Amino acid sequence: MAEPKLNYERIMAYRPSDIRVSYGERECILYALGIGIGMDPLDPGELKFVYERAGLAAFPTMAVVLGWPGRMTDPAFGIDERLVVAGDLKVVLHQPLASEAKLVSRPRVREVIDKGPGNAAIIQNTRDLIGEDGAPVATVDSSTFARKHGGFGGKATETPAPHPIPQGARQSRASVPAQRRREPAPRRSPARQGRRLRASHPAWRGKLRHRGARGPAGVRRLPAGAAQKHRGAVLAAGLSRRHHPH
């Protein structure tokens, strides 16, 4: 694989067009369900994000999926998409996210950090979500790691320092119940499954009520000598074992 040659000047000059975003209650509910909210249908704190008659509210982090401009796939950028992975993500809400709105997304590239030859280049992106009245609703900052793209002579070589971990006593606590895993139903053998299907079929109910031991679901089995006799009826009815799904 040839070493990629990232075009720093071309990336920094990139100015995507504004993206118009429209969403409503359906999108809010689908997003909340997609991140696992609603496992407890009796919890009012979860219900308000997944039920339109419970004072539906948009989950705050839904801003990250609104107005995303997509990947930078233009070959002029010199980015090999096979080496790109997602980095960090940050959301700043300037006002509560409404459950229905029309917004304008204004994305741009903030900086490309050069971690040196053989290392990664970190592409830092930002986008502002603007309401119809022109007021900012949210700012989404994100980054992508372009592995083996470093060494292009970038001005920035270090990422900003992360926020310090808060010190002191805990102020609040949140817990999310784990979803119970359902045990799969035991699988029956193909032979047993075929017998159960034949015993329940109307074409066989009369034929199986002969003398002999009781079979599945209280239906009497065919005597040993009668099994061959009625095989033709099974094939005619299309109920041979090879036709049964297992």
Foldseek 3Di string as FASTA:
>chain_A
DDQFAFDFVVQQPDWDDKDKWWAAQVVQQVVLVVVPACLPVPDLVRVLRHPPVSVHFHDQVVVVVTRDPDDDPPVVRRADVVQKDWDDKDKDFPDGDGNTFMWIKGKGWDFWAAQAAQAWIKTKMKIWIAGPVRHTGMIMITIMIRGRNHDNPGPHHDDDDDDDDDDDDDDDDDDDDDDDDDDDDDDDDLVLVLVVVQCPDPLCQVVQQDDADQDPPRTHGDPPVCPVVCPVVCVVVVSDSVSDDD
